[in-house]
Amino acid sequence: MSCFAGDPNFCPECGNVLPLPGMQDTVRCPRCTFCIPVAEFSGQEIRSTVIFNPVEQSSVALEDEEDSELKGAVIDRRCSRCNKEGMVYHTRQMRSADEGQTVFFTCIHCRYQEKEDS
């Protein structure tokens, strides 16, 4: 008996997303052994919608360098480009979860950016 039922886009056995029907006579789940004839998809219409956030609200919105204010804590770290003291930082988990975070530093004087894997 199937654990997952209802949506034809998902495998009724394991819940994995089923691939779109192709040239084969069957659609096979890439995770388990479930197989369904392509004829079962006949007449079904699949729709999807992509909604983009306005550029003003996204974190990648570009601002003028003179007008943008650096946000974050200022730490006592010397910039390797201008050799002045004072950088702001933020961290991100760029590598696998069992490794340390990557720290990104930005100089408050010349806006030079550098990173350090911790």
C-alpha atoms as a PDB file:
ATOM      1  CA  MET A   1       0.000   0.000   0.000  1.00  0.00           C
ATOM      2  CA  SER A   2       1.299   3.458  -0.906  1.00  0.00           C
ATOM      3  CA  CYS A   3       2.311   5.888   1.829  1.00  0.00           C
ATOM      4  CA  PHE A   4       2.148   8.967  -0.416  1.00  0.00           C
ATOM      5  CA  ALA A   5      -0.908   9.484  -2.546  1.00  0.00           C
ATOM      6  CA  GLY A   6      -2.682  12.273  -4.337  1.00  0.00           C
ATOM      7  CA  ASP A   7      -0.204  14.258  -6.420  1.00  0.00           C
ATOM      8  CA  PRO A   8       0.852  12.541  -9.671  1.00  0.00           C
ATOM      9  CA  ASN A   9       4.143  14.482  -9.679  1.00  0.00           C
ATOM     10  CA  PHE A  10       5.404  12.470  -6.704  1.00  0.00           C
ATOM     11  CA  CYS A  11       6.193   8.810  -6.238  1.00  0.00           C
ATOM     12  CA  PRO A  12       3.392   7.155  -4.220  1.00  0.00           C
ATOM     13  CA  GLU A  13       5.929   4.775  -2.624  1.00  0.00           C
ATOM     14  CA  CYS A  14       8.740   7.058  -1.399  1.00  0.00           C
ATOM     15  CA  GLY A  15       7.487  10.624  -2.035  1.00  0.00           C
ATOM     16  CA  ASN A  16      10.341  11.549  -4.389  1.00  0.00           C
ATOM     17  CA  VAL A  17       9.629  13.884  -7.340  1.00  0.00           C
ATOM     18  CA  LEU A  18       8.967  11.819 -10.449  1.00  0.00           C
ATOM     19  CA  PRO A  19      10.778  12.794 -13.659  1.00  0.00           C
ATOM     20  CA  LEU A  20       8.718  14.102 -16.567  1.00  0.00           C
ATOM     21  CA  PRO A  21       7.506  11.443 -19.002  1.00  0.00           C
ATOM     22  CA  GLY A  22       9.973  10.947 -21.818  1.00  0.00           C
ATOM     23  CA  MET A  23      10.419   8.565 -24.742  1.00  0.00           C
ATOM     24  CA  GLN A  24      10.159   5.418 -22.603  1.00  0.00           C
ATOM     25  CA  ASP A  25       6.861   3.636 -22.003  1.00  0.00           C
ATOM     26  CA  THR A  26       7.187   4.047 -18.238  1.00  0.00           C
ATOM     27  CA  VAL A  27       8.200   6.666 -15.712  1.00  0.00           C
ATOM     28  CA  ARG A  28      10.594   5.207 -13.148  1.00  0.00           C
ATOM     29  CA  CYS A  29      11.231   6.752  -9.743  1.00  0.00           C
ATOM     30  CA  PRO A  30      14.965   7.568  -9.437  1.00  0.00           C
ATOM     31  CA  ARG A  31      14.928   6.685  -5.729  1.00  0.00           C
ATOM     32  CA  CYS A  32      12.953   3.448  -5.428  1.00  0.00           C
ATOM     33  CA  THR A  33      11.695   0.719  -7.763  1.00  0.00           C
ATOM     34  CA  PHE A  34       8.286   2.298  -8.447  1.00  0.00           C
ATOM     35  CA  CYS A  35       7.308   2.360 -12.103  1.00  0.00           C
ATOM     36  CA  ILE A  36       4.171   3.816 -13.730  1.00  0.00           C
ATOM     37  CA  PRO A  37       3.040   3.592 -17.373  1.00  0.00           C
ATOM     38  CA  VAL A  38       3.261   6.863 -19.322  1.00  0.00           C
ATOM     39  CA  ALA A  39      -0.342   6.304 -20.455  1.00  0.00           C
ATOM     40  CA  GLU A  40      -1.484   7.149 -16.893  1.00  0.00           C
ATOM     41  CA  PHE A  41      -0.262  10.736 -17.468  1.00  0.00           C
ATOM     42  CA  SER A  42      -2.382  11.111 -20.616  1.00  0.00           C
ATOM     43  CA  GLY A  43      -4.587  14.186 -20.494  1.00  0.00           C
ATOM     44  CA  GLN A  44      -2.944  15.646 -17.386  1.00  0.00           C
ATOM     45  CA  GLU A  45      -1.809  19.245 -17.483  1.00  0.00           C
ATOM     46  CA  ILE A  46       1.065  20.328 -15.252  1.00  0.00           C
ATOM     47  CA  ARG A  47       1.522  24.039 -14.564  1.00  0.00           C
ATOM     48  CA  SER A  48       4.211  25.855 -12.656  1.00  0.00           C
ATOM     49  CA  THR A  49       4.681  29.484 -11.736  1.00  0.00           C
ATOM     50  CA  VAL A  50       7.881  31.389 -11.060  1.00  0.00           C
ATOM     51  CA  ILE A  51       7.539  34.617  -9.083  1.00  0.00           C
ATOM     52  CA  PHE A  52      10.551  36.909  -8.992  1.00  0.00           C
ATOM     53  CA  ASN A  53      11.065  39.316  -6.105  1.00  0.00           C
ATOM     54  CA  PRO A  54      11.440  42.982  -7.072  1.00  0.00           C
ATOM     55  CA  VAL A  55      15.089  44.010  -7.371  1.00  0.00           C
ATOM     56  CA  GLU A  56      14.639  46.647  -4.643  1.00  0.00           C
ATOM     57  CA  GLN A  57      13.758  43.938  -2.115  1.00  0.00           C
ATOM     58  CA  SER A  58      16.467  41.453  -3.028  1.00  0.00           C
ATOM     59  CA  SER A  59      19.799  41.220  -1.288  1.00  0.00           C
ATOM     60  CA  VAL A  60      21.590  41.581  -4.635  1.00  0.00           C
ATOM     61  CA  ALA A  61      20.207  45.045  -5.347  1.00  0.00           C
ATOM     62  CA  LEU A  62      23.107  47.234  -6.401  1.00  0.00           C
ATOM     63  CA  GLU A  63      23.594  50.573  -4.692  1.00  0.00           C
ATOM     64  CA  ASP A  64      25.989  53.424  -5.337  1.00  0.00           C
ATOM     65  CA  GLU A  65      29.225  52.717  -3.481  1.00  0.00           C
ATOM     66  CA  GLU A  66      29.385  56.232  -2.017  1.00  0.00           C
ATOM     67  CA  ASP A  67      25.795  56.102  -0.764  1.00  0.00           C
ATOM     68  CA  SER A  68      25.715  52.544   0.588  1.00  0.00           C
ATOM     69  CA  GLU A  69      26.543  52.121   4.237  1.00  0.00           C
ATOM     70  CA  LEU A  70      28.451  49.084   5.430  1.00  0.00           C
ATOM     71  CA  LYS A  71      26.470  47.148   7.988  1.00  0.00           C
ATOM     72  CA  GLY A  72      27.899  44.986  10.726  1.00  0.00           C
ATOM     73  CA  ALA A  73      30.262  45.099  13.640  1.00  0.00           C
ATOM     74  CA  VAL A  74      33.562  46.920  13.094  1.00  0.00           C
ATOM     75  CA  ILE A  75      36.478  44.799  14.254  1.00  0.00           C
ATOM     76  CA  ASP A  76      40.174  45.500  14.786  1.00  0.00           C
ATOM     77  CA  ARG A  77      41.535  43.881  11.640  1.00  0.00           C
ATOM     78  CA  ARG A  78      44.044  45.526   9.330  1.00  0.00           C
ATOM     79  CA  CYS A  79      43.130  45.769   5.653  1.00  0.00           C
ATOM     80  CA  SER A  80      45.685  44.070   3.432  1.00  0.00           C
ATOM     81  CA  ARG A  81      45.178  46.677   0.682  1.00  0.00           C
ATOM     82  CA  CYS A  82      45.165  50.089   2.437  1.00  0.00           C
ATOM     83  CA  ASN A  83      46.797  48.906   5.684  1.00  0.00           C
ATOM     84  CA  LYS A  84      44.222  50.765   7.832  1.00  0.00           C
ATOM     85  CA  GLU A  85      42.525  49.323  10.876  1.00  0.00           C
ATOM     86  CA  GLY A  86      38.777  48.558  10.833  1.00  0.00           C
ATOM     87  CA  MET A  87      36.731  46.010   8.902  1.00  0.00           C
ATOM     88  CA  VAL A  88      33.151  44.782   9.050  1.00  0.00           C
ATOM     89  CA  TYR A  89      32.364  41.104   8.651  1.00  0.00           C
ATOM     90  CA  HIS A  90      29.639  38.557   8.029  1.00  0.00           C
ATOM     91  CA  THR A  91      29.705  34.768   7.948  1.00  0.00           C
ATOM     92  CA  ARG A  92      28.221  32.140   5.665  1.00  0.00           C
ATOM     93  CA  GLN A  93      28.221  28.351   5.656  1.00  0.00           C
ATOM     94  CA  MET A  94      29.785  27.826   2.226  1.00  0.00           C
ATOM     95  CA  ARG A  95      31.280  24.365   2.737  1.00  0.00           C
ATOM     96  CA  SER A  96      29.811  21.200   4.202  1.00  0.00           C
ATOM     97  CA  ALA A  97      28.132  21.374   7.598  1.00  0.00           C
ATOM     98  CA  ASP A  98      30.972  19.604   9.411  1.00  0.00           C
ATOM     99  CA  GLU A  99      33.452  22.318   8.402  1.00  0.00           C
ATOM    100  CA  GLY A 100      33.722  25.865   9.706  1.00  0.00           C
ATOM    101  CA  GLN A 101      31.997  28.927   8.333  1.00  0.00           C
ATOM    102  CA  THR A 102      33.529  31.280   5.792  1.00  0.00           C
ATOM    103  CA  VAL A 103      34.073  34.798   7.151  1.00  0.00           C
ATOM    104  CA  PHE A 104      33.851  37.710   4.693  1.00  0.00           C
ATOM    105  CA  PHE A 105      35.596  40.961   5.680  1.00  0.00           C
ATOM    106  CA  THR A 106      35.075  44.399   4.081  1.00  0.00           C
ATOM    107  CA  CYS A 107      37.358  47.360   4.784  1.00  0.00           C
ATOM    108  CA  ILE A 108      35.440  50.408   6.015  1.00  0.00           C
ATOM    109  CA  HIS A 109      37.962  52.739   4.346  1.00  0.00           C
ATOM    110  CA  CYS A 110      38.594  51.339   0.851  1.00  0.00           C
ATOM    111  CA  ARG A 111      35.848  48.648   0.683  1.00  0.00           C
ATOM    112  CA  TYR A 112      38.360  45.937  -0.179  1.00  0.00           C
ATOM    113  CA  GLN A 113      36.871  42.496   0.444  1.00  0.00           C
ATOM    114  CA  GLU A 114      38.635  39.371   1.614  1.00  0.00           C
ATOM    115  CA  LYS A 115      37.526  36.012   2.976  1.00  0.00           C
ATOM    116  CA  GLU A 116      38.824  33.553   5.522  1.00  0.00           C
ATOM    117  CA  ASP A 117      37.822  29.927   5.999  1.00  0.00           C
ATOM    118  CA  SER A 118      37.543  29.259   9.713  1.00  0.00           C
END
